[in-house]
Amino acid sequence: MTTVNITTNKNTVTVDESNSSVIQVATQGPQGASAADSVNVDNAVNRSIVYYDSTSSSLKADANWTTSTITDGGNF
């Protein structure tokens, strides 16, 4: 029998490998920025692809890169 302990400041989880049950562990973590706050979609068009623009140091979705502009007659 092998026991695995995962310890944080508040919680300890012990897994017994002889138990065939499915064990799920979840904990709330820090939340990141929402996409609306981080991606410039002011000039987005149908099928825009999000890319990083180093000139403006931002993520953008516009007509420069779409599913049509990155393929050469193929499908995306």
C-alpha atoms as a PDB file:
ATOM      1  CA  MET A   1       0.000   0.000   0.000  1.00  0.00           C
ATOM      2  CA  THR A   2       1.308   3.450  -0.946  1.00  0.00           C
ATOM      3  CA  THR A   3       0.063   6.621   0.676  1.00  0.00           C
ATOM      4  CA  VAL A   4       0.465  10.003  -0.964  1.00  0.00           C
ATOM      5  CA  ASN A   5       0.132  13.128   1.145  1.00  0.00           C
ATOM      6  CA  ILE A   6      -0.430  16.529  -0.423  1.00  0.00           C
ATOM      7  CA  THR A   7      -0.154  19.280   2.148  1.00  0.00           C
ATOM      8  CA  THR A   8      -0.823  23.007   1.951  1.00  0.00           C
ATOM      9  CA  ASN A   9      -1.143  25.556   4.706  1.00  0.00           C
ATOM     10  CA  LYS A  10      -4.785  24.559   5.306  1.00  0.00           C
ATOM     11  CA  ASN A  11      -5.486  21.132   3.801  1.00  0.00           C
ATOM     12  CA  THR A  12      -4.103  17.592   3.720  1.00  0.00           C
ATOM     13  CA  VAL A  13      -5.229  14.998   1.203  1.00  0.00           C
ATOM     14  CA  THR A  14      -4.426  11.310   1.669  1.00  0.00           C
ATOM     15  CA  VAL A  15      -4.901   8.879  -1.233  1.00  0.00           C
ATOM     16  CA  ASP A  16      -5.093   5.162  -0.522  1.00  0.00           C
ATOM     17  CA  GLU A  17      -4.185   3.274  -3.729  1.00  0.00           C
ATOM     18  CA  SER A  18      -6.014   0.137  -2.581  1.00  0.00           C
ATOM     19  CA  ASN A  19      -9.306   2.046  -2.810  1.00  0.00           C
ATOM     20  CA  SER A  20     -10.671   1.921  -6.372  1.00  0.00           C
ATOM     21  CA  SER A  21     -12.929   4.946  -5.894  1.00  0.00           C
ATOM     22  CA  VAL A  22     -12.457   8.064  -7.981  1.00  0.00           C
ATOM     23  CA  ILE A  23     -11.212  10.930  -5.840  1.00  0.00           C
ATOM     24  CA  GLN A  24     -11.550  14.553  -6.893  1.00  0.00           C
ATOM     25  CA  VAL A  25     -10.003  17.453  -5.034  1.00  0.00           C
ATOM     26  CA  ALA A  26     -10.820  21.078  -5.786  1.00  0.00           C
ATOM     27  CA  THR A  27      -9.760  24.313  -4.207  1.00  0.00           C
ATOM     28  CA  GLN A  28     -10.491  27.896  -5.119  1.00  0.00           C
ATOM     29  CA  GLY A  29      -7.491  29.704  -6.530  1.00  0.00           C
ATOM     30  CA  PRO A  30      -6.735  33.248  -7.611  1.00  0.00           C
ATOM     31  CA  GLN A  31      -8.794  34.615 -10.465  1.00  0.00           C
ATOM     32  CA  GLY A  32      -7.113  36.053 -13.560  1.00  0.00           C
ATOM     33  CA  ALA A  33      -8.188  38.981 -15.680  1.00  0.00           C
ATOM     34  CA  SER A  34     -11.229  38.460 -17.862  1.00  0.00           C
ATOM     35  CA  ALA A  35     -10.723  38.324 -21.623  1.00  0.00           C
ATOM     36  CA  ALA A  36     -12.757  41.508 -22.115  1.00  0.00           C
ATOM     37  CA  ASP A  37     -10.197  43.386 -20.005  1.00  0.00           C
ATOM     38  CA  SER A  38      -7.167  41.972 -21.809  1.00  0.00           C
ATOM     39  CA  VAL A  39      -8.005  41.593 -25.519  1.00  0.00           C
ATOM     40  CA  ASN A  40      -8.643  44.556 -27.809  1.00  0.00           C
ATOM     41  CA  VAL A  41     -11.672  43.563 -29.915  1.00  0.00           C
ATOM     42  CA  ASP A  42     -12.614  47.056 -31.119  1.00  0.00           C
ATOM     43  CA  ASN A  43     -11.793  46.172 -34.758  1.00  0.00           C
ATOM     44  CA  ALA A  44     -12.685  42.482 -34.671  1.00  0.00           C
ATOM     45  CA  VAL A  45     -14.291  40.988 -37.756  1.00  0.00           C
ATOM     46  CA  ASN A  46     -15.931  37.646 -38.398  1.00  0.00           C
ATOM     47  CA  ARG A  47     -13.451  34.801 -37.682  1.00  0.00           C
ATOM     48  CA  SER A  48     -10.759  37.060 -36.189  1.00  0.00           C
ATOM     49  CA  ILE A  49      -7.872  35.308 -34.446  1.00  0.00           C
ATOM     50  CA  VAL A  50      -6.385  36.753 -31.261  1.00  0.00           C
ATOM     51  CA  TYR A  51      -2.680  37.655 -31.591  1.00  0.00           C
ATOM     52  CA  TYR A  52      -0.039  39.616 -29.684  1.00  0.00           C
ATOM     53  CA  ASP A  53       0.924  43.005 -31.141  1.00  0.00           C
ATOM     54  CA  SER A  54       4.337  44.053 -29.803  1.00  0.00           C
ATOM     55  CA  THR A  55       3.928  47.640 -31.042  1.00  0.00           C
ATOM     56  CA  SER A  56       1.015  48.251 -28.696  1.00  0.00           C
ATOM     57  CA  SER A  57       2.031  45.543 -26.171  1.00  0.00           C
ATOM     58  CA  SER A  58      -1.459  44.112 -26.264  1.00  0.00           C
ATOM     59  CA  LEU A  59      -3.552  41.217 -27.462  1.00  0.00           C
ATOM     60  CA  LYS A  60      -5.735  42.060 -30.469  1.00  0.00           C
ATOM     61  CA  ALA A  61      -8.426  40.505 -32.622  1.00  0.00           C
ATOM     62  CA  ASP A  62      -8.891  42.329 -35.949  1.00  0.00           C
ATOM     63  CA  ALA A  63      -8.840  41.880 -39.731  1.00  0.00           C
ATOM     64  CA  ASN A  64      -5.036  41.407 -39.866  1.00  0.00           C
ATOM     65  CA  TRP A  65      -5.270  37.758 -38.801  1.00  0.00           C
ATOM     66  CA  THR A  66      -8.410  35.764 -39.538  1.00  0.00           C
ATOM     67  CA  THR A  67      -9.089  32.153 -40.437  1.00  0.00           C
ATOM     68  CA  SER A  68      -8.970  33.283 -44.096  1.00  0.00           C
ATOM     69  CA  THR A  69      -5.639  35.166 -43.923  1.00  0.00           C
ATOM     70  CA  ILE A  70      -3.681  32.318 -42.306  1.00  0.00           C
ATOM     71  CA  THR A  71      -4.666  29.679 -44.850  1.00  0.00           C
ATOM     72  CA  ASP A  72      -3.766  29.404 -48.518  1.00  0.00           C
ATOM     73  CA  GLY A  73      -6.988  28.114 -49.990  1.00  0.00           C
ATOM     74  CA  GLY A  74      -7.494  25.596 -47.217  1.00  0.00           C
ATOM     75  CA  ASN A  75      -9.959  25.367 -44.378  1.00  0.00           C
ATOM     76  CA  PHE A  76      -9.385  26.315 -40.783  1.00  0.00           C
END
